[in-house]
Amino acid sequence: MSPATTVRTTASLLTTAYTVALPLLGITPTQNAKYLFAYFPSLIGYGLLVFDKWAWRWWGIHRLTGHPWVGGTWRSILKPAPESHIPPGGNRGPITTYLTIEQTYWTLHATLRTAESMSRSNNATIVKTDGSGIAEVRFLYENVPRTEHQARSPRHTGSCQLSVTGRAPRSIEGSYFTSRFTAGDMDLTLVDRSTEYGTFAEAQTADQRASATP
């Protein structure tokens, strides 16, 4: 469980316990109207949880926060730079991958899947720039290839930086660098807002289905 998930879960449990305890102690608004104020911490606690998970991207609130909504599954085309140290037999691109971004207002997690491997992020953040309307998604990641490919393509780490324009972009550009001394550009197109695809094949099927829809 991530630290952010732990904090949300703990806050939910404490808020619920507090709310349940009040009537057990005889503190109810029906008994005395002034007791209504005792429930304000519960309302604030639940309100913050709802805001973090959903409300921040509702139309009116989203316009106020301006926080980019990048959650969902993206088709990402990787274009390795010519000088990348790609081992013999490796894919020199373009490489089709799928990037799934799980996002709340305060948290971000990215999982990138290829036909041969999966990368999971750590330290993922959205950095807003100087009022230009452009933000950057930055994360470090660890890549774990499927066992059958590890002799040629060992585990490695890397970093990724994506340039985001607008509150709800449908296309993104970026770049990546790996500890295997490979680097390149990324062109991302939104497939849909789902984060439930567990494999490369599932994401690819969803992508083909979305592309076939008029």
C-alpha atoms as a PDB file:
ATOM      1  CA  MET A   1       0.000   0.000   0.000  1.00  0.00           C
ATOM      2  CA  SER A   2       1.388   3.408  -0.976  1.00  0.00           C
ATOM      3  CA  PRO A   3       1.870   6.139   1.673  1.00  0.00           C
ATOM      4  CA  ALA A   4      -0.913   8.215   0.095  1.00  0.00           C
ATOM      5  CA  THR A   5      -3.312   5.256   0.174  1.00  0.00           C
ATOM      6  CA  THR A   6      -2.356   4.588   3.786  1.00  0.00           C
ATOM      7  CA  VAL A   7      -3.112   8.203   4.720  1.00  0.00           C
ATOM      8  CA  ARG A   8      -6.496   8.139   2.940  1.00  0.00           C
ATOM      9  CA  THR A   9      -7.456   4.818   4.502  1.00  0.00           C
ATOM     10  CA  THR A  10      -6.438   5.977   7.975  1.00  0.00           C
ATOM     11  CA  ALA A  11      -8.329   9.250   7.552  1.00  0.00           C
ATOM     12  CA  SER A  12     -11.446   7.372   6.403  1.00  0.00           C
ATOM     13  CA  LEU A  13     -11.326   4.992   9.357  1.00  0.00           C
ATOM     14  CA  LEU A  14     -10.756   7.766  11.908  1.00  0.00           C
ATOM     15  CA  THR A  15     -13.496   9.956  10.440  1.00  0.00           C
ATOM     16  CA  THR A  16     -15.932   7.031  10.403  1.00  0.00           C
ATOM     17  CA  ALA A  17     -15.029   6.056  13.975  1.00  0.00           C
ATOM     18  CA  TYR A  18     -15.549   9.658  15.127  1.00  0.00           C
ATOM     19  CA  THR A  19     -18.897   9.888  13.350  1.00  0.00           C
ATOM     20  CA  VAL A  20     -20.117   6.591  14.829  1.00  0.00           C
ATOM     21  CA  ALA A  21     -18.936   7.551  18.318  1.00  0.00           C
ATOM     22  CA  LEU A  22     -20.954  10.766  18.463  1.00  0.00           C
ATOM     23  CA  PRO A  23     -24.456   9.227  18.580  1.00  0.00           C
ATOM     24  CA  LEU A  24     -23.181   6.496  20.902  1.00  0.00           C
ATOM     25  CA  LEU A  25     -22.230   9.289  23.299  1.00  0.00           C
ATOM     26  CA  GLY A  26     -25.651  10.846  22.910  1.00  0.00           C
ATOM     27  CA  ILE A  27     -24.436  13.722  20.747  1.00  0.00           C
ATOM     28  CA  THR A  28     -27.084  14.063  18.032  1.00  0.00           C
ATOM     29  CA  PRO A  29     -28.513  17.148  16.298  1.00  0.00           C
ATOM     30  CA  THR A  30     -32.052  15.917  17.022  1.00  0.00           C
ATOM     31  CA  GLN A  31     -31.298  16.075  20.721  1.00  0.00           C
ATOM     32  CA  ASN A  32     -29.778  19.521  20.655  1.00  0.00           C
ATOM     33  CA  ALA A  33     -29.182  21.705  17.606  1.00  0.00           C
ATOM     34  CA  LYS A  34     -25.870  22.946  18.937  1.00  0.00           C
ATOM     35  CA  TYR A  35     -24.516  19.403  18.664  1.00  0.00           C
ATOM     36  CA  LEU A  36     -24.622  19.824  14.901  1.00  0.00           C
ATOM     37  CA  PHE A  37     -21.253  21.573  15.149  1.00  0.00           C
ATOM     38  CA  ALA A  38     -19.720  18.383  16.559  1.00  0.00           C
ATOM     39  CA  TYR A  39     -20.266  16.793  13.151  1.00  0.00           C
ATOM     40  CA  PHE A  40     -18.305  19.433  11.238  1.00  0.00           C
ATOM     41  CA  PRO A  41     -14.963  17.540  11.524  1.00  0.00           C
ATOM     42  CA  SER A  42     -16.664  14.520   9.934  1.00  0.00           C
ATOM     43  CA  LEU A  43     -18.061  16.628   7.095  1.00  0.00           C
ATOM     44  CA  ILE A  44     -14.652  18.180   6.478  1.00  0.00           C
ATOM     45  CA  GLY A  45     -12.913  14.795   6.596  1.00  0.00           C
ATOM     46  CA  TYR A  46     -15.303  13.157   4.149  1.00  0.00           C
ATOM     47  CA  GLY A  47     -15.297  16.283   2.006  1.00  0.00           C
ATOM     48  CA  LEU A  48     -11.524  16.156   1.632  1.00  0.00           C
ATOM     49  CA  LEU A  49     -11.658  12.480   0.663  1.00  0.00           C
ATOM     50  CA  VAL A  50     -14.350  13.147  -1.950  1.00  0.00           C
ATOM     51  CA  PHE A  51     -12.375  16.114  -3.278  1.00  0.00           C
ATOM     52  CA  ASP A  52      -9.150  14.093  -3.556  1.00  0.00           C
ATOM     53  CA  LYS A  53     -10.784  11.153  -5.336  1.00  0.00           C
ATOM     54  CA  TRP A  54     -13.417  12.782  -7.552  1.00  0.00           C
ATOM     55  CA  ALA A  55     -14.595  16.341  -6.948  1.00  0.00           C
ATOM     56  CA  TRP A  56     -11.388  18.087  -8.068  1.00  0.00           C
ATOM     57  CA  ARG A  57     -12.096  17.109 -11.674  1.00  0.00           C
ATOM     58  CA  TRP A  58     -15.792  18.048 -11.693  1.00  0.00           C
ATOM     59  CA  TRP A  59     -16.386  20.785 -14.258  1.00  0.00           C
ATOM     60  CA  GLY A  60     -16.773  23.862 -12.067  1.00  0.00           C
ATOM     61  CA  ILE A  61     -14.167  22.838  -9.489  1.00  0.00           C
ATOM     62  CA  HIS A  62     -11.761  21.734 -12.217  1.00  0.00           C
ATOM     63  CA  ARG A  63     -11.873  25.164 -13.786  1.00  0.00           C
ATOM     64  CA  LEU A  64     -10.916  26.698 -10.452  1.00  0.00           C
ATOM     65  CA  THR A  65      -8.093  24.306  -9.576  1.00  0.00           C
ATOM     66  CA  GLY A  66      -6.641  24.087 -13.103  1.00  0.00           C
ATOM     67  CA  HIS A  67      -5.045  20.782 -12.043  1.00  0.00           C
ATOM     68  CA  PRO A  68      -4.318  18.663 -15.153  1.00  0.00           C
ATOM     69  CA  TRP A  69      -6.382  15.489 -15.408  1.00  0.00           C
ATOM     70  CA  VAL A  70      -4.097  12.875 -16.935  1.00  0.00           C
ATOM     71  CA  GLY A  71      -5.624   9.769 -15.348  1.00  0.00           C
ATOM     72  CA  GLY A  72      -6.487   6.928 -17.718  1.00  0.00           C
ATOM     73  CA  THR A  73      -4.817   4.676 -20.251  1.00  0.00           C
ATOM     74  CA  TRP A  74      -2.639   6.171 -22.975  1.00  0.00           C
ATOM     75  CA  ARG A  75      -1.153   4.723 -26.142  1.00  0.00           C
ATOM     76  CA  SER A  76       2.483   5.776 -26.000  1.00  0.00           C
ATOM     77  CA  ILE A  77       4.763   5.521 -29.014  1.00  0.00           C
ATOM     78  CA  LEU A  78       8.423   5.401 -27.979  1.00  0.00           C
ATOM     79  CA  LYS A  79      11.031   6.611 -30.469  1.00  0.00           C
ATOM     80  CA  PRO A  80      14.528   5.675 -29.249  1.00  0.00           C
ATOM     81  CA  ALA A  81      17.310   8.132 -30.068  1.00  0.00           C
ATOM     82  CA  PRO A  82      19.809   6.835 -32.650  1.00  0.00           C
ATOM     83  CA  GLU A  83      22.642   6.852 -30.095  1.00  0.00           C
ATOM     84  CA  SER A  84      20.717   4.651 -27.623  1.00  0.00           C
ATOM     85  CA  HIS A  85      22.626   1.552 -26.496  1.00  0.00           C
ATOM     86  CA  ILE A  86      20.063  -0.983 -27.638  1.00  0.00           C
ATOM     87  CA  PRO A  87      21.369  -4.578 -27.441  1.00  0.00           C
ATOM     88  CA  PRO A  88      21.446  -6.807 -30.540  1.00  0.00           C
ATOM     89  CA  GLY A  89      17.990  -8.077 -31.284  1.00  0.00           C
ATOM     90  CA  GLY A  90      16.380  -5.200 -29.408  1.00  0.00           C
ATOM     91  CA  ASN A  91      13.531  -3.100 -30.762  1.00  0.00           C
ATOM     92  CA  ARG A  92      14.806   0.152 -32.249  1.00  0.00           C
ATOM     93  CA  GLY A  93      11.310   1.517 -32.634  1.00  0.00           C
ATOM     94  CA  PRO A  94       8.929   3.028 -32.943  1.00  0.00           C
ATOM     95  CA  ILE A  95       7.638   0.952 -30.014  1.00  0.00           C
ATOM     96  CA  THR A  96       3.959   0.844 -29.081  1.00  0.00           C
ATOM     97  CA  THR A  97       3.386   0.853 -25.324  1.00  0.00           C
ATOM     98  CA  TYR A  98       0.481   1.628 -23.000  1.00  0.00           C
ATOM     99  CA  LEU A  99       0.805   3.991 -20.056  1.00  0.00           C
ATOM    100  CA  THR A 100      -1.806   3.748 -17.301  1.00  0.00           C
ATOM    101  CA  ILE A 101      -1.922   6.714 -14.932  1.00  0.00           C
ATOM    102  CA  GLU A 102      -3.827   6.391 -11.653  1.00  0.00           C
ATOM    103  CA  GLN A 103      -4.492   9.888 -10.335  1.00  0.00           C
ATOM    104  CA  THR A 104      -6.131  11.668  -7.463  1.00  0.00           C
ATOM    105  CA  TYR A 105      -5.673  15.353  -6.697  1.00  0.00           C
ATOM    106  CA  TRP A 106      -2.690  14.710  -4.434  1.00  0.00           C
ATOM    107  CA  THR A 107      -1.323  11.441  -5.805  1.00  0.00           C
ATOM    108  CA  LEU A 108      -0.097   9.990  -9.072  1.00  0.00           C
ATOM    109  CA  HIS A 109       1.093   6.547 -10.129  1.00  0.00           C
ATOM    110  CA  ALA A 110       2.115   5.368 -13.601  1.00  0.00           C
ATOM    111  CA  THR A 111       2.441   1.883 -15.072  1.00  0.00           C
ATOM    112  CA  LEU A 112       3.877   1.434 -18.553  1.00  0.00           C
ATOM    113  CA  ARG A 113       3.411  -1.865 -20.358  1.00  0.00           C
ATOM    114  CA  THR A 114       5.103  -3.161 -23.479  1.00  0.00           C
ATOM    115  CA  ALA A 115       4.793  -6.557 -25.136  1.00  0.00           C
ATOM    116  CA  GLU A 116       7.985  -7.570 -23.257  1.00  0.00           C
ATOM    117  CA  SER A 117       7.988  -5.763 -19.900  1.00  0.00           C
ATOM    118  CA  MET A 118       6.267  -3.605 -17.314  1.00  0.00           C
ATOM    119  CA  SER A 119       7.497  -0.426 -15.615  1.00  0.00           C
ATOM    120  CA  ARG A 120       6.058   0.951 -12.377  1.00  0.00           C
ATOM    121  CA  SER A 121       6.655   4.475 -11.164  1.00  0.00           C
ATOM    122  CA  ASN A 122       7.883   5.881  -7.909  1.00  0.00           C
ATOM    123  CA  ASN A 123       8.180   9.568  -7.015  1.00  0.00           C
ATOM    124  CA  ALA A 124       5.556  10.534  -9.588  1.00  0.00           C
ATOM    125  CA  THR A 125       4.534  14.206  -9.464  1.00  0.00           C
ATOM    126  CA  ILE A 126       2.839  16.934 -11.464  1.00  0.00           C
ATOM    127  CA  VAL A 127       4.861  20.146 -11.538  1.00  0.00           C
ATOM    128  CA  LYS A 128       3.074  23.316 -12.608  1.00  0.00           C
ATOM    129  CA  THR A 129       5.106  25.945 -14.411  1.00  0.00           C
ATOM    130  CA  ASP A 130       4.966  29.724 -14.281  1.00  0.00           C
ATOM    131  CA  GLY A 131       1.327  30.272 -15.287  1.00  0.00           C
ATOM    132  CA  SER A 132       1.892  29.313 -18.926  1.00  0.00           C
ATOM    133  CA  GLY A 133      -0.817  26.620 -18.835  1.00  0.00           C
ATOM    134  CA  ILE A 134       1.839  23.920 -19.255  1.00  0.00           C
ATOM    135  CA  ALA A 135       2.598  21.389 -16.529  1.00  0.00           C
ATOM    136  CA  GLU A 136       5.040  18.514 -16.360  1.00  0.00           C
ATOM    137  CA  VAL A 137       4.439  14.959 -15.228  1.00  0.00           C
ATOM    138  CA  ARG A 138       7.701  13.563 -13.866  1.00  0.00           C
ATOM    139  CA  PHE A 139       8.422  10.125 -12.493  1.00  0.00           C
ATOM    140  CA  LEU A 140      11.159   7.615 -11.862  1.00  0.00           C
ATOM    141  CA  TYR A 141      10.452   3.975 -12.636  1.00  0.00           C
ATOM    142  CA  GLU A 142      11.749   0.432 -12.463  1.00  0.00           C
ATOM    143  CA  ASN A 143      11.346  -1.785 -15.509  1.00  0.00           C
ATOM    144  CA  VAL A 144      10.922  -5.553 -15.101  1.00  0.00           C
ATOM    145  CA  PRO A 145      11.012  -7.548 -18.365  1.00  0.00           C
ATOM    146  CA  ARG A 146       9.285 -10.880 -18.747  1.00  0.00           C
ATOM    147  CA  THR A 147      11.576 -13.755 -17.797  1.00  0.00           C
ATOM    148  CA  GLU A 148      11.970 -14.914 -21.399  1.00  0.00           C
ATOM    149  CA  HIS A 149      13.506 -11.548 -22.357  1.00  0.00           C
ATOM    150  CA  GLN A 150      15.759 -10.866 -19.366  1.00  0.00           C
ATOM    151  CA  ALA A 151      18.902 -12.369 -20.920  1.00  0.00           C
ATOM    152  CA  ARG A 152      18.771  -9.704 -23.624  1.00  0.00           C
ATOM    153  CA  SER A 153      16.892  -7.013 -21.720  1.00  0.00           C
ATOM    154  CA  PRO A 154      17.767  -6.958 -17.987  1.00  0.00           C
ATOM    155  CA  ARG A 155      15.897  -5.069 -15.267  1.00  0.00           C
ATOM    156  CA  HIS A 156      16.690  -1.382 -15.193  1.00  0.00           C
ATOM    157  CA  THR A 157      15.559   1.990 -13.888  1.00  0.00           C
ATOM    158  CA  GLY A 158      14.754   5.196 -15.678  1.00  0.00           C
ATOM    159  CA  SER A 159      13.012   8.539 -15.662  1.00  0.00           C
ATOM    160  CA  CYS A 160      10.239  10.084 -17.683  1.00  0.00           C
ATOM    161  CA  GLN A 161       9.072  13.643 -18.241  1.00  0.00           C
ATOM    162  CA  LEU A 162       5.809  14.530 -19.989  1.00  0.00           C
ATOM    163  CA  SER A 163       4.702  17.999 -21.068  1.00  0.00           C
ATOM    164  CA  VAL A 164       0.996  18.565 -20.405  1.00  0.00           C
ATOM    165  CA  THR A 165      -1.063  21.416 -21.872  1.00  0.00           C
ATOM    166  CA  GLY A 166      -4.592  22.167 -20.705  1.00  0.00           C
ATOM    167  CA  ARG A 167      -6.797  20.801 -17.941  1.00  0.00           C
ATOM    168  CA  ALA A 168      -7.849  17.565 -19.687  1.00  0.00           C
ATOM    169  CA  PRO A 169      -5.386  16.835 -22.512  1.00  0.00           C
ATOM    170  CA  ARG A 170      -5.957  14.018 -24.981  1.00  0.00           C
ATOM    171  CA  SER A 171      -2.427  14.040 -26.370  1.00  0.00           C
ATOM    172  CA  ILE A 172       0.906  14.509 -24.609  1.00  0.00           C
ATOM    173  CA  GLU A 173       4.561  14.661 -25.625  1.00  0.00           C
ATOM    174  CA  GLY A 174       7.529  13.696 -23.516  1.00  0.00           C
ATOM    175  CA  SER A 175      10.887  12.002 -23.229  1.00  0.00           C
ATOM    176  CA  TYR A 176      12.530   9.198 -21.287  1.00  0.00           C
ATOM    177  CA  PHE A 177      15.991   8.101 -20.175  1.00  0.00           C
ATOM    178  CA  THR A 178      17.074   4.706 -18.815  1.00  0.00           C
ATOM    179  CA  SER A 179      20.017   3.381 -16.840  1.00  0.00           C
ATOM    180  CA  ARG A 180      20.861   1.200 -19.842  1.00  0.00           C
ATOM    181  CA  PHE A 181      21.906   4.399 -21.623  1.00  0.00           C
ATOM    182  CA  THR A 182      18.890   4.524 -23.861  1.00  0.00           C
ATOM    183  CA  ALA A 183      16.766   7.617 -24.355  1.00  0.00           C
ATOM    184  CA  GLY A 184      14.077   8.837 -26.662  1.00  0.00           C
ATOM    185  CA  ASP A 185      10.822  10.693 -27.261  1.00  0.00           C
ATOM    186  CA  MET A 186       7.266   9.719 -26.365  1.00  0.00           C
ATOM    187  CA  ASP A 187       4.025  10.613 -28.143  1.00  0.00           C
ATOM    188  CA  LEU A 188       0.917   9.784 -26.110  1.00  0.00           C
ATOM    189  CA  THR A 189      -2.732   9.579 -27.180  1.00  0.00           C
ATOM    190  CA  LEU A 190      -5.540   8.974 -24.703  1.00  0.00           C
ATOM    191  CA  VAL A 191      -7.308   5.633 -25.169  1.00  0.00           C
ATOM    192  CA  ASP A 192      -9.878   6.110 -22.389  1.00  0.00           C
ATOM    193  CA  ARG A 193     -10.136   7.035 -18.710  1.00  0.00           C
ATOM    194  CA  SER A 194     -10.087   3.448 -17.462  1.00  0.00           C
ATOM    195  CA  THR A 195      -7.187   2.250 -15.308  1.00  0.00           C
ATOM    196  CA  GLU A 196      -8.411  -1.356 -15.114  1.00  0.00           C
ATOM    197  CA  TYR A 197      -6.381  -2.932 -17.928  1.00  0.00           C
ATOM    198  CA  GLY A 198      -3.997  -5.393 -16.331  1.00  0.00           C
ATOM    199  CA  THR A 199      -1.933  -6.419 -19.345  1.00  0.00           C
ATOM    200  CA  PHE A 200      -0.516  -5.028 -22.566  1.00  0.00           C
ATOM    201  CA  ALA A 201      -2.950  -7.179 -24.551  1.00  0.00           C
ATOM    202  CA  GLU A 202      -5.994  -5.838 -22.673  1.00  0.00           C
ATOM    203  CA  ALA A 203      -4.939  -2.234 -23.241  1.00  0.00           C
ATOM    204  CA  GLN A 204      -4.207  -2.937 -26.898  1.00  0.00           C
ATOM    205  CA  THR A 205      -7.641  -4.503 -27.377  1.00  0.00           C
ATOM    206  CA  ALA A 206      -9.306  -1.474 -25.791  1.00  0.00           C
ATOM    207  CA  ASP A 207      -7.229   0.802 -28.022  1.00  0.00           C
ATOM    208  CA  GLN A 208      -8.279  -1.097 -31.164  1.00  0.00           C
ATOM    209  CA  ARG A 209     -11.897  -1.005 -30.064  1.00  0.00           C
ATOM    210  CA  ALA A 210     -11.729   2.752 -29.414  1.00  0.00           C
ATOM    211  CA  SER A 211     -10.028   3.363 -32.767  1.00  0.00           C
ATOM    212  CA  ALA A 212     -12.714   1.391 -34.586  1.00  0.00           C
ATOM    213  CA  THR A 213     -15.527   3.421 -33.006  1.00  0.00           C
ATOM    214  CA  PRO A 214     -16.690   6.207 -35.384  1.00  0.00           C
END
